[in-house]
PDB file of all heavy atoms in Angstrom:
ATOM      1  N   VAL A   1     -76.760 -52.028 -60.197  1.00  0.00           N
ATOM      2  CA  VAL A   1     -77.248 -52.240 -58.838  1.00  0.00           C
ATOM      3  C   VAL A   1     -76.556 -53.467 -58.273  1.00  0.00           C
ATOM      4  O   VAL A   1     -76.672 -54.563 -58.823  1.00  0.00           O
ATOM      5  CB  VAL A   1     -78.779 -52.425 -58.825  1.00  0.00           C
ATOM      6  CG1 VAL A   1     -79.284 -52.682 -57.417  1.00  0.00           C
ATOM      7  CG2 VAL A   1     -79.459 -51.215 -59.427  1.00  0.00           C
ATOM      8  N   ARG A   2     -75.843 -53.248 -57.209  1.00  0.00           N
ATOM      9  CA  ARG A   2     -75.149 -54.362 -56.558  1.00  0.00           C
ATOM     10  C   ARG A   2     -75.679 -54.533 -55.147  1.00  0.00           C
ATOM     11  O   ARG A   2     -76.023 -53.568 -54.476  1.00  0.00           O
ATOM     12  CB  ARG A   2     -73.646 -54.074 -56.496  1.00  0.00           C
ATOM     13  CG  ARG A   2     -73.010 -54.045 -57.843  1.00  0.00           C
ATOM     14  CD  ARG A   2     -71.489 -54.050 -57.684  1.00  0.00           C
ATOM     15  NE  ARG A   2     -70.875 -54.126 -58.980  1.00  0.00           N
ATOM     16  CZ  ARG A   2     -70.129 -53.172 -59.505  1.00  0.00           C
ATOM     17  NH1 ARG A   2     -69.902 -52.079 -58.829  1.00  0.00           N
ATOM     18  NH2 ARG A   2     -69.593 -53.320 -60.694  1.00  0.00           N
ATOM     19  N   ARG A   3     -75.727 -55.764 -54.723  1.00  0.00           N
ATOM     20  CA  ARG A   3     -76.128 -56.032 -53.350  1.00  0.00           C
ATOM     21  C   ARG A   3     -75.029 -55.569 -52.415  1.00  0.00           C
ATOM     22  O   ARG A   3     -73.847 -55.675 -52.733  1.00  0.00           O
ATOM     23  CB  ARG A   3     -76.351 -57.522 -53.140  1.00  0.00           C
ATOM     24  CG  ARG A   3     -77.574 -58.031 -53.837  1.00  0.00           C
ATOM     25  CD  ARG A   3     -77.842 -59.500 -53.550  1.00  0.00           C
ATOM     26  NE  ARG A   3     -76.982 -60.092 -52.557  1.00  0.00           N
ATOM     27  CZ  ARG A   3     -76.565 -61.354 -52.592  1.00  0.00           C
ATOM     28  NH1 ARG A   3     -76.922 -62.138 -53.560  1.00  0.00           N
ATOM     29  NH2 ARG A   3     -75.792 -61.829 -51.647  1.00  0.00           N
ATOM     30  N   PRO A   4     -75.381 -55.045 -51.247  1.00  0.00           N
ATOM     31  CA  PRO A   4     -74.333 -54.664 -50.301  1.00  0.00           C
ATOM     32  C   PRO A   4     -73.570 -55.907 -49.835  1.00  0.00           C
ATOM     33  O   PRO A   4     -74.124 -57.011 -49.771  1.00  0.00           O
ATOM     34  CB  PRO A   4     -75.091 -54.009 -49.150  1.00  0.00           C
ATOM     35  CG  PRO A   4     -76.497 -54.456 -49.302  1.00  0.00           C
ATOM     36  CD  PRO A   4     -76.711 -54.755 -50.750  1.00  0.00           C
ATOM     37  N   MET A   5     -72.297 -55.712 -49.543  1.00  0.00           N
ATOM     38  CA  MET A   5     -71.473 -56.849 -49.119  1.00  0.00           C
ATOM     39  C   MET A   5     -71.933 -57.337 -47.749  1.00  0.00           C
ATOM     40  O   MET A   5     -72.185 -56.542 -46.846  1.00  0.00           O
ATOM     41  CB  MET A   5     -70.005 -56.449 -49.067  1.00  0.00           C
ATOM     42  CG  MET A   5     -69.443 -56.131 -50.438  1.00  0.00           C
ATOM     43  SD  MET A   5     -67.701 -55.734 -50.383  1.00  0.00           S
ATOM     44  CE  MET A   5     -67.012 -57.293 -49.933  1.00  0.00           C
ATOM     45  N   GLN A   6     -72.055 -58.630 -47.618  1.00  0.00           N
ATOM     46  CA  GLN A   6     -72.444 -59.224 -46.344  1.00  0.00           C
ATOM     47  C   GLN A   6     -71.331 -60.170 -45.914  1.00  0.00           C
ATOM     48  O   GLN A   6     -71.032 -61.152 -46.585  1.00  0.00           O
ATOM     49  CB  GLN A   6     -73.757 -59.993 -46.491  1.00  0.00           C
ATOM     50  CG  GLN A   6     -74.922 -59.091 -46.849  1.00  0.00           C
ATOM     51  CD  GLN A   6     -76.200 -59.883 -47.045  1.00  0.00           C
ATOM     52  OE1 GLN A   6     -76.191 -61.105 -47.131  1.00  0.00           O
ATOM     53  NE2 GLN A   6     -77.305 -59.178 -47.117  1.00  0.00           N
ATOM     54  N   TYR A   7     -70.711 -59.806 -44.792  1.00  0.00           N
ATOM     55  CA  TYR A   7     -69.611 -60.617 -44.297  1.00  0.00           C
ATOM     56  C   TYR A   7     -70.152 -61.734 -43.417  1.00  0.00           C
ATOM     57  O   TYR A   7     -71.095 -61.546 -42.654  1.00  0.00           O
ATOM     58  CB  TYR A   7     -68.641 -59.760 -43.496  1.00  0.00           C
ATOM     59  CG  TYR A   7     -67.997 -58.665 -44.310  1.00  0.00           C
ATOM     60  CD1 TYR A   7     -68.300 -57.328 -44.073  1.00  0.00           C
ATOM     61  CD2 TYR A   7     -67.092 -58.968 -45.311  1.00  0.00           C
ATOM     62  CE1 TYR A   7     -67.709 -56.333 -44.823  1.00  0.00           C
ATOM     63  CE2 TYR A   7     -66.502 -57.976 -46.061  1.00  0.00           C
ATOM     64  CZ  TYR A   7     -66.809 -56.665 -45.811  1.00  0.00           C
ATOM     65  OH  TYR A   7     -66.225 -55.679 -46.549  1.00  0.00           O
ATOM     66  N   ASP A   8     -69.523 -62.877 -43.509  1.00  0.00           N
ATOM     67  CA  ASP A   8     -69.926 -63.961 -42.615  1.00  0.00           C
ATOM     68  C   ASP A   8     -69.279 -63.741 -41.250  1.00  0.00           C
ATOM     69  O   ASP A   8     -68.534 -62.785 -41.030  1.00  0.00           O
ATOM     70  CB  ASP A   8     -69.549 -65.322 -43.204  1.00  0.00           C
ATOM     71  CG  ASP A   8     -68.065 -65.472 -43.430  1.00  0.00           C
ATOM     72  OD1 ASP A   8     -67.360 -64.453 -43.351  1.00  0.00           O
ATOM     73  OD2 ASP A   8     -67.616 -66.596 -43.698  1.00  0.00           O
ATOM     74  N   LEU A   9     -69.579 -64.611 -40.316  1.00  0.00           N
ATOM     75  CA  LEU A   9     -69.142 -64.439 -38.934  1.00  0.00           C
ATOM     76  C   LEU A   9     -67.618 -64.439 -38.820  1.00  0.00           C
ATOM     77  O   LEU A   9     -67.038 -63.635 -38.092  1.00  0.00           O
ATOM     78  CB  LEU A   9     -69.737 -65.554 -38.056  1.00  0.00           C
ATOM     79  CG  LEU A   9     -69.406 -65.466 -36.576  1.00  0.00           C
ATOM     80  CD1 LEU A   9     -69.946 -64.168 -35.987  1.00  0.00           C
ATOM     81  CD2 LEU A   9     -69.956 -66.672 -35.822  1.00  0.00           C
ATOM     82  N   ALA A  10     -66.938 -65.294 -39.558  1.00  0.00           N
ATOM     83  CA  ALA A  10     -65.479 -65.356 -39.472  1.00  0.00           C
ATOM     84  C   ALA A  10     -64.838 -64.048 -39.947  1.00  0.00           C
ATOM     85  O   ALA A  10     -63.872 -63.561 -39.344  1.00  0.00           O
ATOM     86  CB  ALA A  10     -64.969 -66.527 -40.303  1.00  0.00           C
ATOM     87  N   MET A  11     -65.376 -63.476 -41.002  1.00  0.00           N
ATOM     88  CA  MET A  11     -64.833 -62.209 -41.495  1.00  0.00           C
ATOM     89  C   MET A  11     -65.088 -61.078 -40.499  1.00  0.00           C
ATOM     90  O   MET A  11     -64.234 -60.219 -40.294  1.00  0.00           O
ATOM     91  CB  MET A  11     -65.467 -61.852 -42.842  1.00  0.00           C
ATOM     92  CG  MET A  11     -64.928 -62.638 -44.018  1.00  0.00           C
ATOM     93  SD  MET A  11     -63.194 -62.325 -44.330  1.00  0.00           S
ATOM     94  CE  MET A  11     -63.241 -60.661 -44.922  1.00  0.00           C
ATOM     95  N   ARG A  12     -66.256 -61.073 -39.866  1.00  0.00           N
ATOM     96  CA  ARG A  12     -66.535 -60.016 -38.890  1.00  0.00           C
ATOM     97  C   ARG A  12     -65.633 -60.134 -37.670  1.00  0.00           C
ATOM     98  O   ARG A  12     -65.163 -59.132 -37.138  1.00  0.00           O
ATOM     99  CB  ARG A  12     -68.006 -60.077 -38.472  1.00  0.00           C
ATOM    100  CG  ARG A  12     -68.917 -59.461 -39.537  1.00  0.00           C
ATOM    101  CD  ARG A  12     -70.321 -59.453 -39.089  1.00  0.00           C
ATOM    102  NE  ARG A  12     -70.812 -60.834 -39.293  1.00  0.00           N
ATOM    103  CZ  ARG A  12     -72.027 -61.243 -39.025  1.00  0.00           C
ATOM    104  NH1 ARG A  12     -72.901 -60.413 -38.525  1.00  0.00           N
ATOM    105  NH2 ARG A  12     -72.396 -62.476 -39.256  1.00  0.00           N
ATOM    106  N   GLU A  13     -65.355 -61.373 -37.224  1.00  0.00           N
ATOM    107  CA  GLU A  13     -64.445 -61.558 -36.087  1.00  0.00           C
ATOM    108  C   GLU A  13     -63.025 -61.131 -36.445  1.00  0.00           C
ATOM    109  O   GLU A  13     -62.337 -60.506 -35.642  1.00  0.00           O
ATOM    110  CB  GLU A  13     -64.461 -63.013 -35.631  1.00  0.00           C
ATOM    111  CG  GLU A  13     -65.741 -63.408 -34.924  1.00  0.00           C
ATOM    112  CD  GLU A  13     -65.768 -64.879 -34.546  1.00  0.00           C
ATOM    113  OE1 GLU A  13     -64.819 -65.605 -34.904  1.00  0.00           O
ATOM    114  OE2 GLU A  13     -66.733 -65.287 -33.902  1.00  0.00           O
ATOM    115  N   ALA A  14     -62.583 -61.452 -37.660  1.00  0.00           N
ATOM    116  CA  ALA A  14     -61.248 -61.039 -38.091  1.00  0.00           C
ATOM    117  C   ALA A  14     -61.172 -59.519 -38.183  1.00  0.00           C
ATOM    118  O   ALA A  14     -60.142 -58.917 -37.845  1.00  0.00           O
ATOM    119  CB  ALA A  14     -60.919 -61.666 -39.439  1.00  0.00           C
ATOM    120  N   LEU A  15     -62.241 -58.883 -38.593  1.00  0.00           N
ATOM    121  CA  LEU A  15     -62.278 -57.433 -38.683  1.00  0.00           C
ATOM    122  C   LEU A  15     -62.166 -56.789 -37.303  1.00  0.00           C
ATOM    123  O   LEU A  15     -61.422 -55.831 -37.115  1.00  0.00           O
ATOM    124  CB  LEU A  15     -63.577 -56.996 -39.366  1.00  0.00           C
ATOM    125  CG  LEU A  15     -63.792 -55.501 -39.522  1.00  0.00           C
ATOM    126  CD1 LEU A  15     -62.802 -54.936 -40.530  1.00  0.00           C
ATOM    127  CD2 LEU A  15     -65.206 -55.211 -39.965  1.00  0.00           C
ATOM    128  N   THR A  16     -62.885 -57.318 -36.331  1.00  0.00           N
ATOM    129  CA  THR A  16     -62.809 -56.746 -34.980  1.00  0.00           C
ATOM    130  C   THR A  16     -61.433 -56.968 -34.366  1.00  0.00           C
ATOM    131  O   THR A  16     -60.913 -56.096 -33.673  1.00  0.00           O
ATOM    132  CB  THR A  16     -63.892 -57.332 -34.073  1.00  0.00           C
ATOM    133  OG1 THR A  16     -63.796 -58.754 -34.083  1.00  0.00           O
ATOM    134  CG2 THR A  16     -65.269 -56.912 -34.533  1.00  0.00           C
ATOM    135  N   ARG A  17     -60.815 -58.140 -34.597  1.00  0.00           N
ATOM    136  CA  ARG A  17     -59.455 -58.385 -34.087  1.00  0.00           C
ATOM    137  C   ARG A  17     -58.450 -57.427 -34.719  1.00  0.00           C
ATOM    138  O   ARG A  17     -57.582 -56.882 -34.034  1.00  0.00           O
ATOM    139  CB  ARG A  17     -59.022 -59.827 -34.366  1.00  0.00           C
ATOM    140  CG  ARG A  17     -59.599 -60.849 -33.409  1.00  0.00           C
ATOM    141  CD  ARG A  17     -58.860 -62.170 -33.481  1.00  0.00           C
ATOM    142  NE  ARG A  17     -58.650 -62.660 -34.841  1.00  0.00           N
ATOM    143  CZ  ARG A  17     -59.496 -63.447 -35.517  1.00  0.00           C
ATOM    144  NH1 ARG A  17     -60.604 -63.869 -34.936  1.00  0.00           N
ATOM    145  NH2 ARG A  17     -59.235 -63.842 -36.736  1.00  0.00           N
ATOM    146  N   ALA A  18     -58.560 -57.207 -36.019  1.00  0.00           N
ATOM    147  CA  ALA A  18     -57.627 -56.307 -36.697  1.00  0.00           C
ATOM    148  C   ALA A  18     -57.817 -54.877 -36.226  1.00  0.00           C
ATOM    149  O   ALA A  18     -56.840 -54.141 -36.042  1.00  0.00           O
ATOM    150  CB  ALA A  18     -57.820 -56.406 -38.202  1.00  0.00           C
ATOM    151  N   ALA A  19     -59.055 -54.469 -36.003  1.00  0.00           N
ATOM    152  CA  ALA A  19     -59.309 -53.108 -35.528  1.00  0.00           C
ATOM    153  C   ALA A  19     -58.792 -52.919 -34.111  1.00  0.00           C
ATOM    154  O   ALA A  19     -58.290 -51.842 -33.770  1.00  0.00           O
ATOM    155  CB  ALA A  19     -60.806 -52.807 -35.594  1.00  0.00           C
ATOM    156  N   ALA A  20     -58.888 -53.954 -33.272  1.00  0.00           N
ATOM    157  CA  ALA A  20     -58.401 -53.835 -31.895  1.00  0.00           C
ATOM    158  C   ALA A  20     -56.874 -53.831 -31.847  1.00  0.00           C
ATOM    159  O   ALA A  20     -56.272 -53.208 -30.970  1.00  0.00           O
ATOM    160  CB  ALA A  20     -58.948 -54.978 -31.050  1.00  0.00           C
ATOM    161  N   ALA A  21     -56.208 -54.505 -32.770  1.00  0.00           N
ATOM    162  CA  ALA A  21     -54.755 -54.595 -32.758  1.00  0.00           C
ATOM    163  C   ALA A  21     -54.081 -53.344 -33.294  1.00  0.00           C
ATOM    164  O   ALA A  21     -52.927 -53.062 -32.956  1.00  0.00           O
ATOM    165  CB  ALA A  21     -54.304 -55.799 -33.584  1.00  0.00           C
ATOM    166  N   GLN A  22     -54.775 -52.562 -34.097  1.00  0.00           N
ATOM    167  CA  GLN A  22     -54.163 -51.365 -34.676  1.00  0.00           C
ATOM    168  C   GLN A  22     -54.187 -50.207 -33.685  1.00  0.00           C
ATOM    169  O   GLN A  22     -55.164 -50.029 -32.969  1.00  0.00           O
ATOM    170  CB  GLN A  22     -54.911 -50.942 -35.940  1.00  0.00           C
ATOM    171  CG  GLN A  22     -54.686 -51.854 -37.114  1.00  0.00           C
ATOM    172  CD  GLN A  22     -55.406 -51.338 -38.356  1.00  0.00           C
ATOM    173  OE1 GLN A  22     -56.097 -50.346 -38.300  1.00  0.00           O
ATOM    174  NE2 GLN A  22     -55.225 -52.047 -39.452  1.00  0.00           N
ATOM    175  N   PRO A  23     -53.134 -49.420 -33.643  1.00  0.00           N
ATOM    176  CA  PRO A  23     -53.162 -48.230 -32.782  1.00  0.00           C
ATOM    177  C   PRO A  23     -54.084 -47.179 -33.383  1.00  0.00           C
ATOM    178  O   PRO A  23     -54.415 -47.234 -34.559  1.00  0.00           O
ATOM    179  CB  PRO A  23     -51.707 -47.757 -32.791  1.00  0.00           C
ATOM    180  CG  PRO A  23     -51.161 -48.267 -34.079  1.00  0.00           C
ATOM    181  CD  PRO A  23     -51.868 -49.569 -34.330  1.00  0.00           C
ATOM    182  N   HIS A  24     -54.503 -46.261 -32.558  1.00  0.00           N
ATOM    183  CA  HIS A  24     -55.373 -45.198 -33.050  1.00  0.00           C
ATOM    184  C   HIS A  24     -54.607 -44.328 -34.035  1.00  0.00           C
ATOM    185  O   HIS A  24     -53.469 -43.944 -33.776  1.00  0.00           O
ATOM    186  CB  HIS A  24     -55.873 -44.349 -31.873  1.00  0.00           C
ATOM    187  CG  HIS A  24     -57.289 -44.637 -31.536  1.00  0.00           C
ATOM    188  ND1 HIS A  24     -57.687 -45.814 -30.952  1.00  0.00           N
ATOM    189  CD2 HIS A  24     -58.423 -43.910 -31.724  1.00  0.00           C
ATOM    190  CE1 HIS A  24     -58.983 -45.797 -30.782  1.00  0.00           C
ATOM    191  NE2 HIS A  24     -59.453 -44.651 -31.231  1.00  0.00           N
ATOM    192  N   LEU A  25     -55.239 -44.003 -35.127  1.00  0.00           N
ATOM    193  CA  LEU A  25     -54.612 -43.156 -36.127  1.00  0.00           C
ATOM    194  C   LEU A  25     -54.818 -41.693 -35.762  1.00  0.00           C
ATOM    195  O   LEU A  25     -55.886 -41.304 -35.301  1.00  0.00           O
ATOM    196  CB  LEU A  25     -55.195 -43.433 -37.513  1.00  0.00           C
ATOM    197  CG  LEU A  25     -54.999 -44.854 -38.038  1.00  0.00           C
ATOM    198  CD1 LEU A  25     -55.707 -45.009 -39.369  1.00  0.00           C
ATOM    199  CD2 LEU A  25     -53.531 -45.156 -38.186  1.00  0.00           C
ATOM    200  N   THR A  26     -53.780 -40.907 -35.945  1.00  0.00           N
ATOM    201  CA  THR A  26     -53.864 -39.483 -35.669  1.00  0.00           C
ATOM    202  C   THR A  26     -54.020 -38.746 -36.991  1.00  0.00           C
ATOM    203  O   THR A  26     -53.215 -38.917 -37.900  1.00  0.00           O
ATOM    204  CB  THR A  26     -52.595 -38.985 -34.962  1.00  0.00           C
ATOM    205  OG1 THR A  26     -52.379 -39.784 -33.796  1.00  0.00           O
ATOM    206  CG2 THR A  26     -52.711 -37.528 -34.585  1.00  0.00           C
ATOM    207  N   THR A  27     -55.059 -37.936 -37.064  1.00  0.00           N
ATOM    208  CA  THR A  27     -55.263 -37.156 -38.272  1.00  0.00           C
ATOM    209  C   THR A  27     -54.328 -35.962 -38.222  1.00  0.00           C
ATOM    210  O   THR A  27     -54.321 -35.196 -37.268  1.00  0.00           O
ATOM    211  CB  THR A  27     -56.709 -36.671 -38.362  1.00  0.00           C
ATOM    212  OG1 THR A  27     -57.577 -37.790 -38.214  1.00  0.00           O
ATOM    213  CG2 THR A  27     -56.976 -35.985 -39.679  1.00  0.00           C
ATOM    214  N   ALA A  28     -53.494 -35.810 -39.247  1.00  0.00           N
ATOM    215  CA  ALA A  28     -52.538 -34.710 -39.255  1.00  0.00           C
ATOM    216  C   ALA A  28     -52.355 -34.207 -40.674  1.00  0.00           C
ATOM    217  O   ALA A  28     -52.467 -34.964 -41.626  1.00  0.00           O
ATOM    218  CB  ALA A  28     -51.201 -35.181 -38.701  1.00  0.00           C
ATOM    219  N   THR A  29     -52.056 -32.930 -40.762  1.00  0.00           N
ATOM    220  CA  THR A  29     -51.716 -32.393 -42.064  1.00  0.00           C
ATOM    221  C   THR A  29     -50.222 -32.550 -42.268  1.00  0.00           C
ATOM    222  O   THR A  29     -49.472 -32.686 -41.308  1.00  0.00           O
ATOM    223  CB  THR A  29     -52.098 -30.909 -42.158  1.00  0.00           C
ATOM    224  OG1 THR A  29     -51.413 -30.203 -41.117  1.00  0.00           O
ATOM    225  CG2 THR A  29     -53.588 -30.716 -42.036  1.00  0.00           C
ATOM    226  N   SER A  30     -49.808 -32.522 -43.489  1.00  0.00           N
ATOM    227  CA  SER A  30     -48.397 -32.786 -43.754  1.00  0.00           C
ATOM    228  C   SER A  30     -47.617 -31.482 -43.827  1.00  0.00           C
ATOM    229  O   SER A  30     -47.346 -30.954 -44.888  1.00  0.00           O
ATOM    230  CB  SER A  30     -48.247 -33.554 -45.061  1.00  0.00           C
ATOM    231  OG  SER A  30     -48.771 -32.779 -46.110  1.00  0.00           O
ATOM    232  N   ASN A  31     -47.291 -30.962 -42.687  1.00  0.00           N
ATOM    233  CA  ASN A  31     -46.338 -29.851 -42.650  1.00  0.00           C
ATOM    234  C   ASN A  31     -45.245 -30.173 -41.639  1.00  0.00           C
ATOM    235  O   ASN A  31     -45.372 -31.089 -40.828  1.00  0.00           O
ATOM    236  CB  ASN A  31     -47.017 -28.503 -42.370  1.00  0.00           C
ATOM    237  CG  ASN A  31     -47.704 -28.477 -41.026  1.00  0.00           C
ATOM    238  OD1 ASN A  31     -47.343 -29.207 -40.121  1.00  0.00           O
ATOM    239  ND2 ASN A  31     -48.695 -27.618 -40.896  1.00  0.00           N
ATOM    240  N   VAL A  32     -44.196 -29.430 -41.658  1.00  0.00           N
ATOM    241  CA  VAL A  32     -43.020 -29.764 -40.854  1.00  0.00           C
ATOM    242  C   VAL A  32     -43.316 -29.659 -39.363  1.00  0.00           C
ATOM    243  O   VAL A  32     -42.880 -30.505 -38.564  1.00  0.00           O
ATOM    244  CB  VAL A  32     -41.833 -28.829 -41.243  1.00  0.00           C
ATOM    245  CG1 VAL A  32     -40.636 -29.100 -40.384  1.00  0.00           C
ATOM    246  CG2 VAL A  32     -41.510 -29.010 -42.706  1.00  0.00           C
ATOM    247  N   VAL A  33     -44.086 -28.660 -38.938  1.00  0.00           N
ATOM    248  CA  VAL A  33     -44.369 -28.471 -37.528  1.00  0.00           C
ATOM    249  C   VAL A  33     -45.133 -29.684 -36.982  1.00  0.00           C
ATOM    250  O   VAL A  33     -44.825 -30.205 -35.905  1.00  0.00           O
ATOM    251  CB  VAL A  33     -45.157 -27.163 -37.320  1.00  0.00           C
ATOM    252  CG1 VAL A  33     -45.553 -26.986 -35.873  1.00  0.00           C
ATOM    253  CG2 VAL A  33     -44.338 -25.984 -37.814  1.00  0.00           C
ATOM    254  N   THR A  34     -46.124 -30.142 -37.690  1.00  0.00           N
ATOM    255  CA  THR A  34     -46.909 -31.288 -37.237  1.00  0.00           C
ATOM    256  C   THR A  34     -46.028 -32.526 -37.118  1.00  0.00           C
ATOM    257  O   THR A  34     -46.150 -33.283 -36.147  1.00  0.00           O
ATOM    258  CB  THR A  34     -48.073 -31.547 -38.207  1.00  0.00           C
ATOM    259  OG1 THR A  34     -48.804 -30.342 -38.371  1.00  0.00           O
ATOM    260  CG2 THR A  34     -48.980 -32.636 -37.683  1.00  0.00           C
ATOM    261  N   TRP A  35     -45.167 -32.759 -38.093  1.00  0.00           N
ATOM    262  CA  TRP A  35     -44.298 -33.935 -38.042  1.00  0.00           C
ATOM    263  C   TRP A  35     -43.335 -33.849 -36.845  1.00  0.00           C
ATOM    264  O   TRP A  35     -43.056 -34.851 -36.209  1.00  0.00           O
ATOM    265  CB  TRP A  35     -43.519 -34.086 -39.356  1.00  0.00           C
ATOM    266  CG  TRP A  35     -44.390 -34.565 -40.454  1.00  0.00           C
ATOM    267  CD1 TRP A  35     -44.843 -33.840 -41.506  1.00  0.00           C
ATOM    268  CD2 TRP A  35     -44.915 -35.868 -40.601  1.00  0.00           C
ATOM    269  NE1 TRP A  35     -45.651 -34.610 -42.305  1.00  0.00           N
ATOM    270  CE2 TRP A  35     -45.701 -35.873 -41.782  1.00  0.00           C
ATOM    271  CE3 TRP A  35     -44.823 -37.041 -39.874  1.00  0.00           C
ATOM    272  CZ2 TRP A  35     -46.378 -36.996 -42.226  1.00  0.00           C
ATOM    273  CZ3 TRP A  35     -45.503 -38.169 -40.323  1.00  0.00           C
ATOM    274  CH2 TRP A  35     -46.266 -38.133 -41.481  1.00  0.00           C
ATOM    275  N   ARG A  36     -42.850 -32.664 -36.528  1.00  0.00           N
ATOM    276  CA  ARG A  36     -41.944 -32.534 -35.379  1.00  0.00           C
ATOM    277  C   ARG A  36     -42.696 -32.780 -34.076  1.00  0.00           C
ATOM    278  O   ARG A  36     -42.174 -33.381 -33.153  1.00  0.00           O
ATOM    279  CB  ARG A  36     -41.312 -31.137 -35.363  1.00  0.00           C
ATOM    280  CG  ARG A  36     -40.266 -30.955 -36.417  1.00  0.00           C
ATOM    281  CD  ARG A  36     -39.625 -29.618 -36.336  1.00  0.00           C
ATOM    282  NE  ARG A  36     -38.692 -29.437 -37.447  1.00  0.00           N
ATOM    283  CZ  ARG A  36     -38.341 -28.283 -37.957  1.00  0.00           C
ATOM    284  NH1 ARG A  36     -38.839 -27.165 -37.460  1.00  0.00           N
ATOM    285  NH2 ARG A  36     -37.498 -28.205 -38.954  1.00  0.00           N
ATOM    286  N   GLU A  37     -43.966 -32.305 -34.018  1.00  0.00           N
ATOM    287  CA  GLU A  37     -44.752 -32.546 -32.818  1.00  0.00           C
ATOM    288  C   GLU A  37     -45.093 -34.016 -32.639  1.00  0.00           C
ATOM    289  O   GLU A  37     -45.106 -34.537 -31.534  1.00  0.00           O
ATOM    290  CB  GLU A  37     -46.038 -31.712 -32.861  1.00  0.00           C
ATOM    291  CG  GLU A  37     -45.812 -30.228 -32.714  1.00  0.00           C
ATOM    292  CD  GLU A  37     -47.090 -29.424 -32.905  1.00  0.00           C
ATOM    293  OE1 GLU A  37     -48.139 -30.050 -33.184  1.00  0.00           O
ATOM    294  OE2 GLU A  37     -47.028 -28.199 -32.818  1.00  0.00           O
TER     295      GLU A  37
END
C-alpha cells in the first residue's frame, strides 16, 4: 500500500507549463497511409 503521489505547488506549475508548451498529440495507427496523411 503506497500513498498517492502529492505534488507541491512548484511541480504542479511546471506540469501545467509543460502541458501548455507541447503540441496536441494525434492518435494514429502505424500504417503507410496514415503516415502519408
